[in-house]
Amino acid sequence: RLYKQSVTTRLGIIFHQSTPSELGDVSSDATPRAAGEQPLVLPVIKVLDKSGIAASCPDIHEGDQVLSVNGRATLSNIAAVQMLREATGAVVLAVRDTPISKTPRAHSPVPRLTGLRPLVQPS
Protein backbone atom coordinates (compact mmCIF):
# COMPACT_ATOMS: atom_id res chain seq x y z
CA ARG A 1 0.00 0.00 0.00
CA LEU A 2 1.40 3.40 -0.98
CA TYR A 3 1.00 5.99 1.73
CA LYS A 4 2.63 9.43 1.70
CA GLN A 5 2.94 10.84 5.19
CA SER A 6 3.48 14.35 3.80
CA VAL A 7 4.25 16.19 0.56
CA THR A 8 7.96 15.69 1.29
CA THR A 9 7.66 11.87 1.55
CA ARG A 10 9.49 10.29 -1.41
CA LEU A 11 7.70 7.72 -3.53
CA GLY A 12 10.86 7.11 -5.56
CA ILE A 13 9.19 6.85 -8.98
CA ILE A 14 11.36 8.23 -11.78
CA PHE A 15 9.85 8.60 -15.25
CA HIS A 16 11.44 8.42 -18.70
CA GLN A 17 12.24 11.89 -20.10
CA SER A 18 10.98 10.82 -23.52
CA THR A 19 8.61 8.06 -24.55
CA PRO A 20 10.68 4.87 -25.05
CA SER A 21 10.91 3.90 -28.73
CA GLU A 22 9.73 0.37 -27.88
CA LEU A 23 6.30 1.81 -27.10
CA GLY A 24 5.65 2.96 -30.65
CA ASP A 25 5.50 6.19 -32.54
CA VAL A 26 3.94 9.02 -30.53
CA SER A 27 4.86 11.64 -33.14
CA SER A 28 1.32 11.34 -34.53
CA ASP A 29 0.00 12.90 -31.30
CA ALA A 30 -2.37 15.66 -32.44
CA THR A 31 -3.10 17.21 -29.04
CA PRO A 32 -3.27 21.02 -29.48
CA ARG A 33 -0.36 22.84 -27.81
CA ALA A 34 1.00 26.36 -27.55
CA ALA A 35 3.76 27.26 -29.98
CA GLY A 36 7.00 25.46 -29.21
CA GLU A 37 5.55 22.90 -26.80
CA GLN A 38 6.79 19.34 -27.19
CA PRO A 39 4.61 16.25 -27.84
CA LEU A 40 3.29 14.37 -24.84
CA VAL A 41 5.66 12.00 -23.08
CA LEU A 42 3.89 8.95 -21.71
CA PRO A 43 4.32 8.50 -17.93
CA VAL A 44 6.41 5.33 -18.13
CA ILE A 45 8.41 4.36 -15.05
CA LYS A 46 12.14 4.32 -15.75
CA VAL A 47 13.43 3.58 -12.24
CA LEU A 48 12.00 2.69 -8.86
CA ASP A 49 14.41 4.25 -6.40
CA LYS A 50 15.06 1.74 -3.62
CA SER A 51 14.95 4.53 -1.03
CA GLY A 52 11.36 5.46 -1.99
CA ILE A 53 8.21 3.78 -0.71
CA ALA A 54 7.07 2.63 -4.19
CA ALA A 55 10.01 0.22 -4.43
CA SER A 56 8.41 -1.98 -1.77
CA CYS A 57 5.10 -2.26 -3.65
CA PRO A 58 4.95 -5.66 -5.38
CA ASP A 59 2.53 -4.50 -8.10
CA ILE A 60 4.52 -1.65 -9.61
CA HIS A 61 7.45 -2.26 -11.93
CA GLU A 62 9.95 -0.41 -14.04
CA GLY A 63 8.52 -0.04 -17.53
CA ASP A 64 4.88 0.20 -16.37
CA GLN A 65 2.78 3.14 -17.55
CA VAL A 66 0.96 5.16 -14.87
CA LEU A 67 -2.58 5.81 -16.12
CA SER A 68 -3.98 7.71 -13.14
CA VAL A 69 -3.16 9.01 -9.67
CA ASN A 70 -6.03 8.98 -7.18
CA GLY A 71 -8.53 8.66 -10.04
CA ARG A 72 -7.14 11.56 -12.09
CA ALA A 73 -5.73 10.69 -15.53
CA THR A 74 -2.01 11.21 -16.02
CA LEU A 75 -1.78 12.50 -19.57
CA SER A 76 1.99 13.00 -19.53
CA ASN A 77 5.05 12.33 -17.44
CA ILE A 78 5.03 15.95 -16.25
CA ALA A 79 1.42 15.66 -15.05
CA ALA A 80 2.20 12.38 -13.28
CA VAL A 81 5.19 13.89 -11.47
CA GLN A 82 3.15 16.88 -10.33
CA MET A 83 0.25 14.72 -9.10
CA LEU A 84 2.58 12.38 -7.21
CA ARG A 85 4.44 15.30 -5.59
CA GLU A 86 1.22 16.94 -4.41
CA ALA A 87 -0.43 13.73 -3.15
CA THR A 88 -0.59 12.96 0.57
CA GLY A 89 -2.17 10.09 2.46
CA ALA A 90 -3.22 7.01 0.49
CA VAL A 91 -1.98 7.18 -3.10
CA VAL A 92 -3.95 5.05 -5.55
CA LEU A 93 -2.23 4.39 -8.86
CA ALA A 94 -3.67 2.65 -11.90
CA VAL A 95 -0.86 1.23 -14.02
CA ARG A 96 -0.59 -1.01 -17.04
CA ASP A 97 2.06 -3.29 -18.42
CA THR A 98 4.02 -2.12 -21.44
CA PRO A 99 6.34 -4.11 -23.70
CA ILE A 100 9.25 -2.87 -21.56
CA SER A 101 7.72 -3.73 -18.15
CA LYS A 102 10.17 -5.59 -15.92
CA THR A 103 7.75 -7.81 -14.07
CA PRO A 104 7.97 -11.24 -12.45
CA ARG A 105 4.56 -12.22 -13.88
CA ALA A 106 5.63 -15.79 -14.61
CA HIS A 107 5.96 -16.38 -10.85
CA SER A 108 2.77 -14.55 -9.87
CA PRO A 109 0.22 -16.84 -8.15
CA VAL A 110 -2.61 -14.45 -9.11
CA PRO A 111 -3.78 -14.69 -12.74
CA ARG A 112 -4.08 -11.34 -14.48
CA LEU A 113 -7.01 -10.77 -16.83
CA THR A 114 -5.80 -7.43 -18.22
CA GLY A 115 -2.73 -5.24 -18.15
CA LEU A 116 -4.51 -2.81 -15.80
CA ARG A 117 -3.83 -3.13 -12.08
CA PRO A 118 -5.03 -0.85 -9.30
CA LEU A 119 -2.30 -0.67 -6.69
CA VAL A 120 -4.47 0.21 -3.71
CA GLN A 121 -8.07 -0.83 -3.22
CA PRO A 122 -10.28 1.87 -1.66
CA SER A 123 -11.25 0.99 1.92
Foldseek 3Di string as FASTA:
>chain_A
DDAAAALPAFQQFDFDPAADCQQDDPVVPPPDDDPPDDGAGFRFTQDRPPVHNNVPQQPDFHGKTWQDKPPHGDRHNVSVVVSSSHDHTDIKTKIFHGPPTDHPVVPDPDDDPGRIDIRDDDD
